[in-house]
Amino acid sequence: MNRRLRLALAALVLMSCRDYQYEPKVSDQAGLVPPDQFARYGHDQAEAVAIGREFGRTGHPDSAMAYARSLGDVVDVSADSLGYRLTVLFKSGWRTGIAPIKDGKRGADTPGLGKAPSKS
């Protein structure tokens, strides 16, 4: 009886171990606003989508961070410890988390990425 109980508990413990592969869950775009539509909300949003696309295309946070720094309105960019998302601070004060966007497009293909509109 004790032996069966131990085997059952050991099997239960092994089955309850989680998979720590979070990248597919973080980068899943299902249920979100499509990237091109979100990019049309404003200039900062277009830059966020472009950074996410470059992140998804390369898969490396370092290259996405370099691309983000090349954009004019990005003040600060940092990667989380696992590298599944970036935190970007824009000149406007907007801070956002950016996950990889794997839609086959480059960052430069993002609509609304041109010059920032002048503020009157």
N, C-alpha and C. Protein backbone atom coordinates (compact mmCIF):
# COMPACT_ATOMS: atom_id res chain seq x y z
N MET A 1 0.83 -1.20 0.00
CA MET A 1 0.00 0.00 0.00
C MET A 1 0.87 1.27 0.00
N ASN A 2 1.87 1.31 0.89
CA ASN A 2 2.76 2.46 0.94
C ASN A 2 3.52 2.64 -0.36
N ARG A 3 3.91 1.52 -0.94
CA ARG A 3 4.66 1.59 -2.20
C ARG A 3 3.81 2.20 -3.31
N ARG A 4 2.56 1.79 -3.40
CA ARG A 4 1.64 2.34 -4.41
C ARG A 4 1.41 3.83 -4.17
N LEU A 5 1.25 4.19 -2.91
CA LEU A 5 1.04 5.59 -2.58
C LEU A 5 2.26 6.44 -2.98
N ARG A 6 3.45 5.92 -2.70
CA ARG A 6 4.67 6.64 -3.10
C ARG A 6 4.78 6.77 -4.61
N LEU A 7 4.47 5.71 -5.32
CA LEU A 7 4.53 5.77 -6.79
C LEU A 7 3.49 6.76 -7.34
N ALA A 8 2.30 6.75 -6.73
CA ALA A 8 1.26 7.67 -7.17
C ALA A 8 1.66 9.12 -6.90
N LEU A 9 2.24 9.36 -5.74
CA LEU A 9 2.69 10.72 -5.41
C LEU A 9 3.84 11.15 -6.32
N ALA A 10 4.77 10.24 -6.59
CA ALA A 10 5.88 10.57 -7.49
C ALA A 10 5.36 10.88 -8.89
N ALA A 11 4.40 10.10 -9.36
CA ALA A 11 3.82 10.35 -10.69
C ALA A 11 3.08 11.69 -10.70
N LEU A 12 2.38 11.99 -9.63
CA LEU A 12 1.66 13.26 -9.53
C LEU A 12 2.62 14.45 -9.54
N VAL A 13 3.71 14.32 -8.83
CA VAL A 13 4.71 15.40 -8.79
C VAL A 13 5.32 15.60 -10.18
N LEU A 14 5.66 14.53 -10.86
CA LEU A 14 6.25 14.65 -12.19
C LEU A 14 5.27 15.23 -13.21
N MET A 15 4.00 14.89 -13.08
CA MET A 15 3.01 15.40 -14.02
C MET A 15 2.70 16.87 -13.76
N SER A 16 2.88 17.32 -12.53
CA SER A 16 2.53 18.71 -12.20
C SER A 16 3.65 19.69 -12.49
N CYS A 17 4.81 19.21 -12.91
CA CYS A 17 5.92 20.13 -13.25
C CYS A 17 5.55 20.91 -14.50
N ARG A 18 5.69 22.23 -14.42
CA ARG A 18 5.32 23.10 -15.54
C ARG A 18 6.45 23.20 -16.54
N ASP A 19 6.07 23.52 -17.74
CA ASP A 19 7.04 23.83 -18.77
C ASP A 19 7.39 25.31 -18.63
N TYR A 20 8.65 25.62 -18.53
CA TYR A 20 9.07 27.00 -18.34
C TYR A 20 9.46 27.67 -19.64
N GLN A 21 8.93 27.20 -20.73
CA GLN A 21 9.16 27.79 -22.05
C GLN A 21 8.04 28.82 -22.29
N TYR A 22 8.28 30.08 -21.89
CA TYR A 22 7.24 31.11 -21.96
C TYR A 22 7.20 31.85 -23.28
N GLU A 23 8.23 31.75 -24.10
CA GLU A 23 8.31 32.54 -25.33
C GLU A 23 7.10 32.35 -26.24
N PRO A 24 6.62 31.13 -26.50
CA PRO A 24 5.43 31.01 -27.36
C PRO A 24 4.19 31.67 -26.76
N LYS A 25 4.08 31.68 -25.44
CA LYS A 25 2.92 32.29 -24.81
C LYS A 25 2.99 33.81 -24.85
N VAL A 26 4.18 34.35 -24.68
CA VAL A 26 4.35 35.80 -24.66
C VAL A 26 4.21 36.39 -26.06
N SER A 27 4.73 35.70 -27.07
CA SER A 27 4.73 36.25 -28.42
C SER A 27 3.50 35.89 -29.23
N ASP A 28 2.54 35.17 -28.65
CA ASP A 28 1.32 34.81 -29.36
C ASP A 28 0.47 36.07 -29.58
N GLN A 29 0.10 36.34 -30.81
CA GLN A 29 -0.66 37.55 -31.16
C GLN A 29 -2.16 37.30 -31.23
N ALA A 30 -2.61 36.09 -30.94
CA ALA A 30 -4.03 35.77 -31.02
C ALA A 30 -4.82 36.62 -30.02
N GLY A 31 -5.89 37.23 -30.50
CA GLY A 31 -6.75 38.03 -29.64
C GLY A 31 -6.32 39.48 -29.48
N LEU A 32 -5.22 39.86 -30.08
CA LEU A 32 -4.76 41.24 -29.98
C LEU A 32 -5.14 42.03 -31.23
N VAL A 33 -5.06 43.32 -31.15
CA VAL A 33 -5.28 44.17 -32.32
C VAL A 33 -4.18 43.86 -33.33
N PRO A 34 -4.51 43.70 -34.61
CA PRO A 34 -3.47 43.43 -35.60
C PRO A 34 -2.40 44.53 -35.60
N PRO A 35 -1.13 44.16 -35.81
CA PRO A 35 -0.05 45.14 -35.71
C PRO A 35 -0.22 46.36 -36.62
N ASP A 36 -0.65 46.17 -37.86
CA ASP A 36 -0.81 47.31 -38.76
C ASP A 36 -1.88 48.28 -38.27
N GLN A 37 -2.95 47.74 -37.69
CA GLN A 37 -4.01 48.60 -37.15
C GLN A 37 -3.52 49.34 -35.91
N PHE A 38 -2.79 48.66 -35.04
CA PHE A 38 -2.26 49.31 -33.84
C PHE A 38 -1.26 50.40 -34.21
N ALA A 39 -0.50 50.19 -35.28
CA ALA A 39 0.50 51.17 -35.71
C ALA A 39 -0.15 52.46 -36.18
N ARG A 40 -1.39 52.39 -36.60
CA ARG A 40 -2.09 53.60 -37.08
C ARG A 40 -2.62 54.45 -35.94
N TYR A 41 -2.53 53.98 -34.70
CA TYR A 41 -3.03 54.75 -33.55
C TYR A 41 -2.19 55.98 -33.28
N GLY A 42 -0.91 55.96 -33.64
CA GLY A 42 -0.04 57.11 -33.40
C GLY A 42 1.40 56.78 -33.74
N HIS A 43 2.24 57.79 -33.67
CA HIS A 43 3.64 57.61 -34.05
C HIS A 43 4.39 56.70 -33.08
N ASP A 44 4.16 56.87 -31.77
CA ASP A 44 4.82 56.00 -30.79
C ASP A 44 4.37 54.55 -30.96
N GLN A 45 3.09 54.34 -31.26
CA GLN A 45 2.59 52.99 -31.46
C GLN A 45 3.21 52.36 -32.71
N ALA A 46 3.40 53.18 -33.75
CA ALA A 46 4.04 52.66 -34.97
C ALA A 46 5.48 52.24 -34.68
N GLU A 47 6.17 53.04 -33.88
CA GLU A 47 7.54 52.67 -33.53
C GLU A 47 7.57 51.41 -32.65
N ALA A 48 6.59 51.27 -31.77
CA ALA A 48 6.52 50.07 -30.94
C ALA A 48 6.29 48.82 -31.80
N VAL A 49 5.42 48.93 -32.79
CA VAL A 49 5.18 47.80 -33.69
C VAL A 49 6.44 47.49 -34.50
N ALA A 50 7.12 48.52 -34.98
CA ALA A 50 8.34 48.31 -35.76
C ALA A 50 9.41 47.61 -34.91
N ILE A 51 9.55 48.01 -33.65
CA ILE A 51 10.51 47.37 -32.76
C ILE A 51 10.12 45.90 -32.54
N GLY A 52 8.84 45.66 -32.33
CA GLY A 52 8.37 44.28 -32.14
C GLY A 52 8.60 43.42 -33.36
N ARG A 53 8.42 44.00 -34.55
CA ARG A 53 8.66 43.24 -35.78
C ARG A 53 10.14 42.90 -35.95
N GLU A 54 11.01 43.85 -35.63
CA GLU A 54 12.44 43.56 -35.72
C GLU A 54 12.84 42.51 -34.67
N PHE A 55 12.23 42.58 -33.51
CA PHE A 55 12.49 41.60 -32.46
C PHE A 55 12.03 40.22 -32.91
N GLY A 56 10.86 40.14 -33.52
CA GLY A 56 10.35 38.86 -34.01
C GLY A 56 11.14 38.32 -35.19
N ARG A 57 11.63 39.22 -36.03
CA ARG A 57 12.40 38.79 -37.22
C ARG A 57 13.74 38.22 -36.82
N THR A 58 14.44 38.88 -35.90
CA THR A 58 15.77 38.43 -35.53
C THR A 58 15.75 37.42 -34.39
N GLY A 59 14.83 37.59 -33.46
CA GLY A 59 14.76 36.70 -32.32
C GLY A 59 15.76 37.02 -31.22
N HIS A 60 16.54 38.08 -31.41
CA HIS A 60 17.56 38.45 -30.43
C HIS A 60 17.22 39.82 -29.84
N PRO A 61 17.15 39.93 -28.53
CA PRO A 61 16.81 41.23 -27.93
C PRO A 61 17.88 42.29 -28.20
N ASP A 62 19.14 41.89 -28.33
CA ASP A 62 20.20 42.88 -28.54
C ASP A 62 20.03 43.62 -29.86
N SER A 63 19.69 42.89 -30.93
CA SER A 63 19.51 43.56 -32.22
C SER A 63 18.25 44.41 -32.23
N ALA A 64 17.20 43.96 -31.53
CA ALA A 64 15.98 44.77 -31.43
C ALA A 64 16.23 46.03 -30.62
N MET A 65 17.06 45.93 -29.58
CA MET A 65 17.39 47.11 -28.78
C MET A 65 18.19 48.10 -29.60
N ALA A 66 19.10 47.61 -30.43
CA ALA A 66 19.88 48.51 -31.30
C ALA A 66 18.97 49.20 -32.30
N TYR A 67 17.99 48.46 -32.84
CA TYR A 67 17.04 49.06 -33.77
C TYR A 67 16.20 50.12 -33.05
N ALA A 68 15.77 49.83 -31.83
CA ALA A 68 14.96 50.78 -31.06
C ALA A 68 15.73 52.07 -30.80
N ARG A 69 17.01 51.93 -30.48
CA ARG A 69 17.83 53.12 -30.21
C ARG A 69 18.04 53.95 -31.47
N SER A 70 17.91 53.32 -32.64
CA SER A 70 18.08 54.07 -33.89
C SER A 70 16.86 54.93 -34.22
N LEU A 71 15.74 54.66 -33.58
CA LEU A 71 14.54 55.45 -33.79
C LEU A 71 14.63 56.73 -32.98
N GLY A 72 14.08 57.80 -33.49
CA GLY A 72 14.27 59.10 -32.87
C GLY A 72 13.56 59.34 -31.56
N ASP A 73 12.45 58.69 -31.31
CA ASP A 73 11.65 59.01 -30.14
C ASP A 73 11.88 58.09 -28.95
N VAL A 74 12.80 57.14 -29.07
CA VAL A 74 13.06 56.20 -27.99
C VAL A 74 14.09 56.80 -27.04
N VAL A 75 13.73 56.93 -25.77
CA VAL A 75 14.62 57.47 -24.75
C VAL A 75 15.42 56.36 -24.09
N ASP A 76 14.74 55.26 -23.73
CA ASP A 76 15.39 54.16 -23.03
C ASP A 76 14.77 52.86 -23.48
N VAL A 77 15.59 51.83 -23.57
CA VAL A 77 15.11 50.49 -23.91
C VAL A 77 15.90 49.48 -23.08
N SER A 78 15.17 48.50 -22.55
CA SER A 78 15.83 47.45 -21.78
C SER A 78 15.11 46.13 -22.03
N ALA A 79 15.87 45.04 -21.96
CA ALA A 79 15.31 43.70 -22.14
C ALA A 79 15.08 43.07 -20.78
N ASP A 80 14.04 42.22 -20.68
CA ASP A 80 13.86 41.51 -19.43
C ASP A 80 14.91 40.42 -19.32
N SER A 81 15.01 39.80 -18.17
CA SER A 81 16.09 38.85 -17.91
C SER A 81 16.01 37.61 -18.80
N LEU A 82 14.82 37.22 -19.21
CA LEU A 82 14.69 36.06 -20.08
C LEU A 82 14.76 36.43 -21.56
N GLY A 83 14.59 37.70 -21.87
CA GLY A 83 14.71 38.15 -23.24
C GLY A 83 13.46 37.97 -24.09
N TYR A 84 12.31 37.78 -23.48
CA TYR A 84 11.08 37.58 -24.24
C TYR A 84 10.32 38.86 -24.52
N ARG A 85 10.75 39.97 -23.94
CA ARG A 85 10.09 41.25 -24.21
C ARG A 85 11.05 42.39 -23.88
N LEU A 86 10.75 43.53 -24.48
CA LEU A 86 11.53 44.74 -24.24
C LEU A 86 10.65 45.75 -23.54
N THR A 87 11.25 46.59 -22.73
CA THR A 87 10.55 47.72 -22.13
C THR A 87 11.13 48.97 -22.74
N VAL A 88 10.27 49.78 -23.35
CA VAL A 88 10.71 50.96 -24.09
C VAL A 88 10.05 52.20 -23.50
N LEU A 89 10.85 53.24 -23.30
CA LEU A 89 10.35 54.54 -22.86
C LEU A 89 10.51 55.52 -24.01
N PHE A 90 9.41 56.18 -24.36
CA PHE A 90 9.41 57.15 -25.45
C PHE A 90 9.54 58.56 -24.90
N LYS A 91 9.88 59.51 -25.78
CA LYS A 91 10.01 60.92 -25.37
C LYS A 91 8.70 61.47 -24.81
N SER A 92 7.60 60.94 -25.29
CA SER A 92 6.30 61.42 -24.83
C SER A 92 5.99 61.00 -23.40
N GLY A 93 6.82 60.10 -22.83
CA GLY A 93 6.58 59.60 -21.49
C GLY A 93 5.91 58.25 -21.46
N TRP A 94 5.52 57.74 -22.61
CA TRP A 94 4.84 56.45 -22.69
C TRP A 94 5.86 55.33 -22.53
N ARG A 95 5.64 54.46 -21.57
CA ARG A 95 6.48 53.28 -21.36
C ARG A 95 5.63 52.06 -21.69
N THR A 96 6.18 51.17 -22.51
CA THR A 96 5.41 50.01 -22.93
C THR A 96 6.30 48.78 -23.01
N GLY A 97 5.69 47.65 -22.84
CA GLY A 97 6.36 46.37 -23.03
C GLY A 97 6.12 45.89 -24.44
N ILE A 98 7.16 45.42 -25.09
CA ILE A 98 7.04 45.00 -26.50
C ILE A 98 7.47 43.54 -26.60
N ALA A 99 6.59 42.73 -27.11
CA ALA A 99 6.87 41.31 -27.36
C ALA A 99 7.23 41.13 -28.84
N PRO A 100 7.88 40.03 -29.18
CA PRO A 100 8.19 39.79 -30.59
C PRO A 100 6.92 39.65 -31.43
N ILE A 101 6.92 40.26 -32.59
CA ILE A 101 5.81 40.13 -33.54
C ILE A 101 6.36 39.37 -34.74
N LYS A 102 5.88 38.15 -34.92
CA LYS A 102 6.37 37.29 -35.99
C LYS A 102 5.34 37.23 -37.10
N ASP A 103 5.25 38.32 -37.87
CA ASP A 103 4.30 38.34 -38.98
C ASP A 103 4.99 38.39 -40.34
N GLY A 104 6.29 38.22 -40.37
CA GLY A 104 7.02 38.16 -41.64
C GLY A 104 7.38 39.52 -42.22
N LYS A 105 7.08 40.60 -41.52
CA LYS A 105 7.39 41.93 -42.02
C LYS A 105 8.57 42.51 -41.26
N ARG A 106 9.28 43.42 -41.92
CA ARG A 106 10.37 44.14 -41.27
C ARG A 106 9.81 45.37 -40.56
N GLY A 107 10.60 45.94 -39.67
CA GLY A 107 10.18 47.13 -38.95
C GLY A 107 9.91 48.30 -39.87
N ALA A 108 10.69 48.42 -40.94
CA ALA A 108 10.53 49.53 -41.87
C ALA A 108 9.23 49.44 -42.66
N ASP A 109 8.59 48.27 -42.69
CA ASP A 109 7.33 48.09 -43.42
C ASP A 109 6.12 48.54 -42.62
N THR A 110 6.33 49.06 -41.44
CA THR A 110 5.24 49.47 -40.56
C THR A 110 4.63 50.78 -41.02
N PRO A 111 3.29 50.85 -41.18
CA PRO A 111 2.68 52.11 -41.57
C PRO A 111 2.76 53.14 -40.45
N GLY A 112 2.94 54.38 -40.82
CA GLY A 112 3.00 55.47 -39.85
C GLY A 112 4.35 55.65 -39.20
N LEU A 113 5.38 55.01 -39.74
CA LEU A 113 6.70 55.06 -39.12
C LEU A 113 7.51 56.24 -39.61
N GLY A 114 7.00 57.01 -40.56
CA GLY A 114 7.75 58.15 -41.10
C GLY A 114 8.04 59.21 -40.05
N LYS A 115 8.07 60.43 -40.46
CA LYS A 115 8.35 61.52 -39.54
C LYS A 115 7.24 61.68 -38.51
N ALA A 116 7.64 62.04 -37.33
CA ALA A 116 6.66 62.30 -36.27
C ALA A 116 5.87 63.55 -36.60
N PRO A 117 4.58 63.55 -36.35
CA PRO A 117 3.79 64.75 -36.62
C PRO A 117 4.22 65.89 -35.70
N SER A 118 4.23 67.10 -36.24
CA SER A 118 4.62 68.26 -35.43
C SER A 118 3.51 68.62 -34.48
N LYS A 119 3.88 68.99 -33.27
CA LYS A 119 2.88 69.36 -32.26
C LYS A 119 2.75 70.88 -32.25
N SER A 120 1.53 71.33 -32.36
CA SER A 120 1.28 72.79 -32.41
C SER A 120 0.99 73.33 -31.04
